[in-house]
């Protein structure tokens, strides 16, 4: 665990947040006494980029399967006119 005085924490806040994201805990002190602690937020409910990509790919695959049996006869203008009736 890193221990950092308040004045230093203010100047290096982005750097400390990066350390916390990597799993480190940071204790912030005032006159040598701990006053706050920075810890990472639990990852519950937040999907990683890979999980999001997998869900998107699965959604597109479901659309491909649903669309596989559908064929459009005629040109797009004719189909649009028939749907407007």
PDB file of N, CA and C in Angstrom:
ATOM      1  N   UNK A   1       0.851  -1.179   0.000  1.00  0.00           N
ATOM      2  CA  UNK A   1       0.000   0.000   0.000  1.00  0.00           C
ATOM      3  C   UNK A   1       0.892   1.236   0.000  1.00  0.00           C
ATOM      4  N   UNK A   2       0.587   2.163  -0.892  1.00  0.00           N
ATOM      5  CA  UNK A   2       1.296   3.437  -0.950  1.00  0.00           C
ATOM      6  C   UNK A   2       0.714   4.368   0.098  1.00  0.00           C
ATOM      7  N   UNK A   3       1.574   5.179   0.697  1.00  0.00           N
ATOM      8  CA  UNK A   3       1.129   6.221   1.612  1.00  0.00           C
ATOM      9  C   UNK A   3       1.603   7.552   1.040  1.00  0.00           C
ATOM     10  N   UNK A   4       0.663   8.480   0.864  1.00  0.00           N
ATOM     11  CA  UNK A   4       0.961   9.746   0.199  1.00  0.00           C
ATOM     12  C   UNK A   4       0.333  10.881   1.000  1.00  0.00           C
ATOM     13  N   UNK A   5       1.094  11.972   1.249  1.00  0.00           N
ATOM     14  CA  UNK A   5       0.485  13.129   1.914  1.00  0.00           C
ATOM     15  C   UNK A   5      -0.512  13.830   0.989  1.00  0.00           C
ATOM     16  N   UNK A   6      -1.426  14.589   1.585  1.00  0.00           N
ATOM     17  CA  UNK A   6      -2.503  15.253   0.842  1.00  0.00           C
ATOM     18  C   UNK A   6      -1.954  16.130  -0.274  1.00  0.00           C
ATOM     19  N   UNK A   7      -0.984  16.978   0.003  1.00  0.00           N
ATOM     20  CA  UNK A   7      -0.475  17.897  -1.017  1.00  0.00           C
ATOM     21  C   UNK A   7       0.101  17.131  -2.206  1.00  0.00           C
ATOM     22  N   UNK A   8       0.739  16.002  -1.948  1.00  0.00           N
ATOM     23  CA  UNK A   8       1.304  15.198  -3.029  1.00  0.00           C
ATOM     24  C   UNK A   8       0.192  14.476  -3.799  1.00  0.00           C
ATOM     25  N   UNK A   9      -0.829  14.029  -3.078  1.00  0.00           N
ATOM     26  CA  UNK A   9      -1.955  13.345  -3.726  1.00  0.00           C
ATOM     27  C   UNK A   9      -2.666  14.285  -4.697  1.00  0.00           C
ATOM     28  N   UNK A  10      -2.786  15.566  -4.316  1.00  0.00           N
ATOM     29  CA  UNK A  10      -3.427  16.530  -5.215  1.00  0.00           C
ATOM     30  C   UNK A  10      -2.614  16.709  -6.491  1.00  0.00           C
ATOM     31  N   UNK A  11      -1.307  16.723  -6.361  1.00  0.00           N
ATOM     32  CA  UNK A  11      -0.443  16.941  -7.527  1.00  0.00           C
ATOM     33  C   UNK A  11      -0.311  15.703  -8.406  1.00  0.00           C
ATOM     34  N   UNK A  12      -0.478  14.515  -7.835  1.00  0.00           N
ATOM     35  CA  UNK A  12      -0.263  13.263  -8.577  1.00  0.00           C
ATOM     36  C   UNK A  12      -1.534  12.426  -8.674  1.00  0.00           C
ATOM     37  N   UNK A  13      -2.689  13.060  -8.648  1.00  0.00           N
ATOM     38  CA  UNK A  13      -3.955  12.329  -8.569  1.00  0.00           C
ATOM     39  C   UNK A  13      -4.136  11.338  -9.719  1.00  0.00           C
ATOM     40  N   UNK A  14      -3.866  11.760 -10.954  1.00  0.00           N
ATOM     41  CA  UNK A  14      -4.039  10.856 -12.102  1.00  0.00           C
ATOM     42  C   UNK A  14      -3.125   9.646 -11.990  1.00  0.00           C
ATOM     43  N   UNK A  15      -1.907   9.869 -11.558  1.00  0.00           N
ATOM     44  CA  UNK A  15      -0.954   8.773 -11.380  1.00  0.00           C
ATOM     45  C   UNK A  15      -1.429   7.799 -10.293  1.00  0.00           C
ATOM     46  N   UNK A  16      -1.982   8.352  -9.210  1.00  0.00           N
ATOM     47  CA  UNK A  16      -2.480   7.499  -8.128  1.00  0.00           C
ATOM     48  C   UNK A  16      -3.692   6.692  -8.590  1.00  0.00           C
ATOM     49  N   UNK A  17      -4.558   7.298  -9.384  1.00  0.00           N
ATOM     50  CA  UNK A  17      -5.718   6.568  -9.910  1.00  0.00           C
ATOM     51  C   UNK A  17      -5.267   5.419 -10.807  1.00  0.00           C
ATOM     52  N   UNK A  18      -4.240   5.653 -11.597  1.00  0.00           N
ATOM     53  CA  UNK A  18      -3.716   4.584 -12.457  1.00  0.00           C
ATOM     54  C   UNK A  18      -3.192   3.433 -11.604  1.00  0.00           C
ATOM     55  N   UNK A  19      -2.521   3.752 -10.490  1.00  0.00           N
ATOM     56  CA  UNK A  19      -2.017   2.707  -9.591  1.00  0.00           C
ATOM     57  C   UNK A  19      -3.168   1.928  -8.977  1.00  0.00           C
ATOM     58  N   UNK A  20      -4.235   2.631  -8.614  1.00  0.00           N
ATOM     59  CA  UNK A  20      -5.410   1.974  -8.023  1.00  0.00           C
ATOM     60  C   UNK A  20      -6.074   1.057  -9.046  1.00  0.00           C
ATOM     61  N   UNK A  21      -6.134   1.497 -10.297  1.00  0.00           N
ATOM     62  CA  UNK A  21      -6.703   0.654 -11.358  1.00  0.00           C
ATOM     63  C   UNK A  21      -5.907  -0.623 -11.537  1.00  0.00           C
ATOM     64  N   UNK A  22      -4.627  -0.582 -11.218  1.00  0.00           N
ATOM     65  CA  UNK A  22      -3.769  -1.769 -11.324  1.00  0.00           C
ATOM     66  C   UNK A  22      -3.875  -2.655 -10.080  1.00  0.00           C
ATOM     67  N   UNK A  23      -4.718  -2.264  -9.118  1.00  0.00           N
ATOM     68  CA  UNK A  23      -4.944  -3.105  -7.949  1.00  0.00           C
ATOM     69  C   UNK A  23      -4.265  -2.636  -6.681  1.00  0.00           C
ATOM     70  N   UNK A  24      -3.551  -1.533  -6.741  1.00  0.00           N
ATOM     71  CA  UNK A  24      -2.861  -1.034  -5.561  1.00  0.00           C
ATOM     72  C   UNK A  24      -3.820  -0.200  -4.705  1.00  0.00           C
ATOM     73  N   UNK A  25      -3.553  -0.135  -3.417  1.00  0.00           N
ATOM     74  CA  UNK A  25      -4.316   0.697  -2.497  1.00  0.00           C
ATOM     75  C   UNK A  25      -3.442   1.876  -2.094  1.00  0.00           C
ATOM     76  N   UNK A  26      -4.037   3.070  -2.025  1.00  0.00           N
ATOM     77  CA  UNK A  26      -3.285   4.278  -1.684  1.00  0.00           C
ATOM     78  C   UNK A  26      -3.903   4.893  -0.443  1.00  0.00           C
ATOM     79  N   UNK A  27      -3.061   5.135   0.564  1.00  0.00           N
ATOM     80  CA  UNK A  27      -3.496   5.794   1.790  1.00  0.00           C
ATOM     81  C   UNK A  27      -3.068   7.254   1.716  1.00  0.00           C
ATOM     82  N   UNK A  28      -3.985   8.176   1.976  1.00  0.00           N
ATOM     83  CA  UNK A  28      -3.692   9.603   1.943  1.00  0.00           C
ATOM     84  C   UNK A  28      -3.618  10.097   3.380  1.00  0.00           C
ATOM     85  N   UNK A  29      -2.532  10.791   3.683  1.00  0.00           N
ATOM     86  CA  UNK A  29      -2.315  11.225   5.066  1.00  0.00           C
ATOM     87  C   UNK A  29      -2.286  12.739   5.174  1.00  0.00           C
ATOM     88  N   UNK A  30      -2.632  13.230   6.360  1.00  0.00           N
ATOM     89  CA  UNK A  30      -2.503  14.651   6.692  1.00  0.00           C
ATOM     90  C   UNK A  30      -1.714  14.712   7.991  1.00  0.00           C
ATOM     91  N   UNK A  31      -0.579  15.365   7.931  1.00  0.00           N
ATOM     92  CA  UNK A  31       0.336  15.468   9.077  1.00  0.00           C
ATOM     93  C   UNK A  31       0.693  14.091   9.633  1.00  0.00           C
ATOM     94  N   UNK A  32       0.843  13.125   8.712  1.00  0.00           N
ATOM     95  CA  UNK A  32       1.260  11.786   9.099  1.00  0.00           C
ATOM     96  C   UNK A  32       0.141  10.847   9.516  1.00  0.00           C
ATOM     97  N   UNK A  33      -1.063  11.368   9.699  1.00  0.00           N
ATOM     98  CA  UNK A  33      -2.204  10.531  10.106  1.00  0.00           C
ATOM     99  C   UNK A  33      -3.056  10.202   8.874  1.00  0.00           C
ATOM    100  N   UNK A  34      -3.436   8.931   8.699  1.00  0.00           N
ATOM    101  CA  UNK A  34      -4.273   8.575   7.547  1.00  0.00           C
ATOM    102  C   UNK A  34      -5.657   9.219   7.638  1.00  0.00           C
ATOM    103  N   UNK A  35      -6.092   9.816   6.516  1.00  0.00           N
ATOM    104  CA  UNK A  35      -7.412  10.456   6.475  1.00  0.00           C
ATOM    105  C   UNK A  35      -8.311   9.869   5.396  1.00  0.00           C
ATOM    106  N   UNK A  36      -7.715   9.201   4.408  1.00  0.00           N
ATOM    107  CA  UNK A  36      -8.524   8.625   3.328  1.00  0.00           C
ATOM    108  C   UNK A  36      -7.750   7.477   2.687  1.00  0.00           C
ATOM    109  N   UNK A  37      -8.502   6.634   1.986  1.00  0.00           N
ATOM    110  CA  UNK A  37      -7.890   5.514   1.286  1.00  0.00           C
ATOM    111  C   UNK A  37      -8.532   5.401  -0.095  1.00  0.00           C
ATOM    112  N   UNK A  38      -7.681   5.274  -1.110  1.00  0.00           N
ATOM    113  CA  UNK A  38      -8.166   5.051  -2.478  1.00  0.00           C
ATOM    114  C   UNK A  38      -8.078   3.565  -2.767  1.00  0.00           C
ATOM    115  N   UNK A  39      -9.219   2.979  -3.131  1.00  0.00           N
ATOM    116  CA  UNK A  39      -9.260   1.568  -3.509  1.00  0.00           C
ATOM    117  C   UNK A  39     -10.060   1.435  -4.790  1.00  0.00           C
ATOM    118  N   UNK A  40      -9.812   0.375  -5.516  1.00  0.00           N
ATOM    119  CA  UNK A  40     -10.526   0.153  -6.777  1.00  0.00           C
ATOM    120  C   UNK A  40     -11.989  -0.184  -6.500  1.00  0.00           C
ATOM    121  N   UNK A  41     -12.851   0.299  -7.357  1.00  0.00           N
ATOM    122  CA  UNK A  41     -14.278  -0.024  -7.293  1.00  0.00           C
ATOM    123  C   UNK A  41     -14.448  -1.474  -7.724  1.00  0.00           C
ATOM    124  N   UNK A  42     -15.284  -2.226  -7.034  1.00  0.00           N
ATOM    125  CA  UNK A  42     -15.519  -3.612  -7.461  1.00  0.00           C
ATOM    126  C   UNK A  42     -16.036  -3.648  -8.898  1.00  0.00           C
ATOM    127  N   UNK A  43     -15.638  -4.649  -9.640  1.00  0.00           N
ATOM    128  CA  UNK A  43     -15.966  -4.742 -11.066  1.00  0.00           C
ATOM    129  C   UNK A  43     -17.354  -5.325 -11.331  1.00  0.00           C
ATOM    130  N   UNK A  44     -18.187  -5.470 -10.322  1.00  0.00           N
ATOM    131  CA  UNK A  44     -19.507  -6.062 -10.534  1.00  0.00           C
ATOM    132  C   UNK A  44     -20.356  -5.165 -11.422  1.00  0.00           C
ATOM    133  N   UNK A  45     -21.005  -5.775 -12.388  1.00  0.00           N
ATOM    134  CA  UNK A  45     -21.911  -5.053 -13.269  1.00  0.00           C
ATOM    135  C   UNK A  45     -21.231  -4.346 -14.425  1.00  0.00           C
ATOM    136  N   UNK A  46     -19.925  -4.246 -14.399  1.00  0.00           N
ATOM    137  CA  UNK A  46     -19.225  -3.567 -15.485  1.00  0.00           C
ATOM    138  C   UNK A  46     -18.581  -4.616 -16.379  1.00  0.00           C
ATOM    139  N   UNK A  47     -18.970  -4.607 -17.631  1.00  0.00           N
ATOM    140  CA  UNK A  47     -18.450  -5.592 -18.583  1.00  0.00           C
ATOM    141  C   UNK A  47     -17.143  -5.091 -19.186  1.00  0.00           C
ATOM    142  N   UNK A  48     -16.223  -6.004 -19.381  1.00  0.00           N
ATOM    143  CA  UNK A  48     -14.971  -5.646 -20.044  1.00  0.00           C
ATOM    144  C   UNK A  48     -15.236  -5.456 -21.535  1.00  0.00           C
ATOM    145  N   UNK A  49     -14.270  -4.877 -22.213  1.00  0.00           N
ATOM    146  CA  UNK A  49     -14.437  -4.655 -23.657  1.00  0.00           C
ATOM    147  C   UNK A  49     -14.622  -5.967 -24.401  1.00  0.00           C
ATOM    148  N   UNK A  50     -13.883  -7.000 -23.984  1.00  0.00           N
ATOM    149  CA  UNK A  50     -14.029  -8.295 -24.657  1.00  0.00           C
ATOM    150  C   UNK A  50     -15.427  -8.862 -24.468  1.00  0.00           C
ATOM    151  N   UNK A  51     -15.987  -8.718 -23.258  1.00  0.00           N
ATOM    152  CA  UNK A  51     -17.346  -9.217 -23.010  1.00  0.00           C
ATOM    153  C   UNK A  51     -18.354  -8.460 -23.865  1.00  0.00           C
ATOM    154  N   UNK A  52     -18.179  -7.151 -23.987  1.00  0.00           N
ATOM    155  CA  UNK A  52     -19.086  -6.344 -24.812  1.00  0.00           C
ATOM    156  C   UNK A  52     -18.976  -6.776 -26.270  1.00  0.00           C
ATOM    157  N   UNK A  53     -17.751  -6.969 -26.746  1.00  0.00           N
ATOM    158  CA  UNK A  53     -17.561  -7.415 -28.133  1.00  0.00           C
ATOM    159  C   UNK A  53     -18.205  -8.770 -28.378  1.00  0.00           C
ATOM    160  N   UNK A  54     -18.079  -9.681 -27.412  1.00  0.00           N
ATOM    161  CA  UNK A  54     -18.683 -11.006 -27.555  1.00  0.00           C
ATOM    162  C   UNK A  54     -20.203 -10.899 -27.613  1.00  0.00           C
ATOM    163  N   UNK A  55     -20.786 -10.034 -26.773  1.00  0.00           N
ATOM    164  CA  UNK A  55     -22.249  -9.869 -26.790  1.00  0.00           C
ATOM    165  C   UNK A  55     -22.711  -9.268 -28.111  1.00  0.00           C
ATOM    166  N   UNK A  56     -21.963  -8.308 -28.642  1.00  0.00           N
ATOM    167  CA  UNK A  56     -22.326  -7.699 -29.924  1.00  0.00           C
ATOM    168  C   UNK A  56     -22.236  -8.736 -31.041  1.00  0.00           C
ATOM    169  N   UNK A  57     -21.156  -9.524 -31.040  1.00  0.00           N
ATOM    170  CA  UNK A  57     -20.990 -10.565 -32.060  1.00  0.00           C
ATOM    171  C   UNK A  57     -22.121 -11.586 -31.977  1.00  0.00           C
ATOM    172  N   UNK A  58     -22.514 -11.960 -30.749  1.00  0.00           N
ATOM    173  CA  UNK A  58     -23.612 -12.916 -30.580  1.00  0.00           C
ATOM    174  C   UNK A  58     -24.924 -12.330 -31.100  1.00  0.00           C
ATOM    175  N   UNK A  59     -25.137 -11.047 -30.878  1.00  0.00           N
ATOM    176  CA  UNK A  59     -26.344 -10.390 -31.381  1.00  0.00           C
ATOM    177  C   UNK A  59     -26.394 -10.383 -32.902  1.00  0.00           C
ATOM    178  N   UNK A  60     -25.262 -10.065 -33.518  1.00  0.00           N
ATOM    179  CA  UNK A  60     -25.210 -10.096 -34.986  1.00  0.00           C
ATOM    180  C   UNK A  60     -25.429 -11.515 -35.513  1.00  0.00           C
ATOM    181  N   UNK A  61     -24.896 -12.497 -34.837  1.00  0.00           N
ATOM    182  CA  UNK A  61     -25.088 -13.884 -35.270  1.00  0.00           C
ATOM    183  C   UNK A  61     -26.560 -14.278 -35.192  1.00  0.00           C
ATOM    184  N   UNK A  62     -27.242 -13.864 -34.118  1.00  0.00           N
ATOM    185  CA  UNK A  62     -28.681 -14.138 -34.006  1.00  0.00           C
ATOM    186  C   UNK A  62     -29.447 -13.466 -35.142  1.00  0.00           C
ATOM    187  N   UNK A  63     -29.059 -12.223 -35.483  1.00  0.00           N
ATOM    188  CA  UNK A  63     -29.708 -11.539 -36.602  1.00  0.00           C
ATOM    189  C   UNK A  63     -29.481 -12.273 -37.916  1.00  0.00           C
ATOM    190  N   UNK A  64     -28.263 -12.776 -38.131  1.00  0.00           N
ATOM    191  CA  UNK A  64     -27.973 -13.529 -39.357  1.00  0.00           C
ATOM    192  C   UNK A  64     -28.851 -14.773 -39.448  1.00  0.00           C
ATOM    193  N   UNK A  65     -29.018 -15.463 -38.326  1.00  0.00           N
ATOM    194  CA  UNK A  65     -29.846 -16.673 -38.308  1.00  0.00           C
ATOM    195  C   UNK A  65     -31.300 -16.308 -38.597  1.00  0.00           C
ATOM    196  N   UNK A  66     -31.799 -15.251 -37.973  1.00  0.00           N
ATOM    197  CA  UNK A  66     -33.183 -14.836 -38.209  1.00  0.00           C
ATOM    198  C   UNK A  66     -33.399 -14.403 -39.657  1.00  0.00           C
ATOM    199  N   UNK A  67     -32.408 -13.739 -40.219  1.00  0.00           N
ATOM    200  CA  UNK A  67     -32.521 -13.210 -41.569  1.00  0.00           C
ATOM    201  C   UNK A  67     -32.290 -14.268 -42.641  1.00  0.00           C
ATOM    202  N   UNK A  68     -31.739 -15.403 -42.275  1.00  0.00           N
ATOM    203  CA  UNK A  68     -31.359 -16.427 -43.251  1.00  0.00           C
ATOM    204  C   UNK A  68     -32.551 -16.908 -44.072  1.00  0.00           C
ATOM    205  N   UNK A  69     -33.711 -17.046 -43.498  1.00  0.00           N
ATOM    206  CA  UNK A  69     -34.857 -17.569 -44.227  1.00  0.00           C
ATOM    207  C   UNK A  69     -35.687 -16.511 -44.916  1.00  0.00           C
ATOM    208  N   UNK A  70     -35.290 -15.268 -44.850  1.00  0.00           N
ATOM    209  CA  UNK A  70     -36.086 -14.183 -45.422  1.00  0.00           C
ATOM    210  C   UNK A  70     -35.511 -13.784 -46.773  1.00  0.00           C
ATOM    211  N   UNK A  71     -36.400 -13.701 -47.766  1.00  0.00           N
ATOM    212  CA  UNK A  71     -35.973 -13.202 -49.075  1.00  0.00           C
ATOM    213  C   UNK A  71     -36.965 -12.137 -49.516  1.00  0.00           C
ATOM    214  N   UNK A  72     -36.452 -11.145 -50.198  1.00  0.00           N
ATOM    215  CA  UNK A  72     -37.288 -10.056 -50.688  1.00  0.00           C
ATOM    216  C   UNK A  72     -37.459 -10.217 -52.189  1.00  0.00           C
ATOM    217  N   UNK A  73     -38.702 -10.310 -52.616  1.00  0.00           N
ATOM    218  CA  UNK A  73     -38.992 -10.427 -54.045  1.00  0.00           C
ATOM    219  C   UNK A  73     -39.298  -9.035 -54.583  1.00  0.00           C
ATOM    220  N   UNK A  74     -38.640  -8.646 -55.651  1.00  0.00           N
ATOM    221  CA  UNK A  74     -38.868  -7.338 -56.250  1.00  0.00           C
ATOM    222  C   UNK A  74     -37.797  -6.350 -55.828  1.00  0.00           C
ATOM    223  N   UNK A  75     -37.982  -5.114 -56.326  1.00  0.00           N
ATOM    224  CA  UNK A  75     -37.008  -4.098 -55.955  1.00  0.00           C
ATOM    225  C   UNK A  75     -37.465  -3.366 -54.697  1.00  0.00           C
ATOM    226  N   UNK A  76     -36.598  -2.579 -54.157  1.00  0.00           N
ATOM    227  CA  UNK A  76     -36.853  -1.920 -52.878  1.00  0.00           C
ATOM    228  C   UNK A  76     -38.006  -0.927 -52.951  1.00  0.00           C
ATOM    229  N   UNK A  77     -38.135  -0.213 -54.064  1.00  0.00           N
ATOM    230  CA  UNK A  77     -39.215   0.768 -54.208  1.00  0.00           C
ATOM    231  C   UNK A  77     -40.579   0.072 -54.188  1.00  0.00           C
ATOM    232  N   UNK A  78     -40.694  -1.056 -54.871  1.00  0.00           N
ATOM    233  CA  UNK A  78     -41.958  -1.804 -54.905  1.00  0.00           C
ATOM    234  C   UNK A  78     -42.309  -2.317 -53.512  1.00  0.00           C
ATOM    235  N   UNK A  79     -41.333  -2.839 -52.830  1.00  0.00           N
ATOM    236  CA  UNK A  79     -41.559  -3.359 -51.474  1.00  0.00           C
ATOM    237  C   UNK A  79     -41.992  -2.242 -50.544  1.00  0.00           C
ATOM    238  N   UNK A  80     -41.368  -1.058 -50.665  1.00  0.00           N
ATOM    239  CA  UNK A  80     -41.729   0.083 -49.821  1.00  0.00           C
ATOM    240  C   UNK A  80     -43.144   0.555 -50.113  1.00  0.00           C
ATOM    241  N   UNK A  81     -43.525   0.583 -51.398  1.00  0.00           N
ATOM    242  CA  UNK A  81     -44.878   0.996 -51.769  1.00  0.00           C
ATOM    243  C   UNK A  81     -45.912   0.028 -51.209  1.00  0.00           C
ATOM    244  N   UNK A  82     -45.629  -1.263 -51.277  1.00  0.00           N
ATOM    245  CA  UNK A  82     -46.578  -2.261 -50.756  1.00  0.00           C
ATOM    246  C   UNK A  82     -46.715  -2.132 -49.246  1.00  0.00           C
ATOM    247  N   UNK A  83     -45.638  -1.804 -48.566  1.00  0.00           N
ATOM    248  CA  UNK A  83     -45.689  -1.651 -47.113  1.00  0.00           C
ATOM    249  C   UNK A  83     -46.396  -0.388 -46.684  1.00  0.00           C
ATOM    250  N   UNK A  84     -46.476   0.602 -47.582  1.00  0.00           N
ATOM    251  CA  UNK A  84     -47.115   1.880 -47.239  1.00  0.00           C
ATOM    252  C   UNK A  84     -48.634   1.775 -47.286  1.00  0.00           C
ATOM    253  N   UNK A  85     -49.153   0.743 -47.908  1.00  0.00           N
ATOM    254  CA  UNK A  85     -50.625   0.603 -48.029  1.00  0.00           C
ATOM    255  C   UNK A  85     -51.289   0.324 -46.721  1.00  0.00           C
TER     256      UNK A  85
END
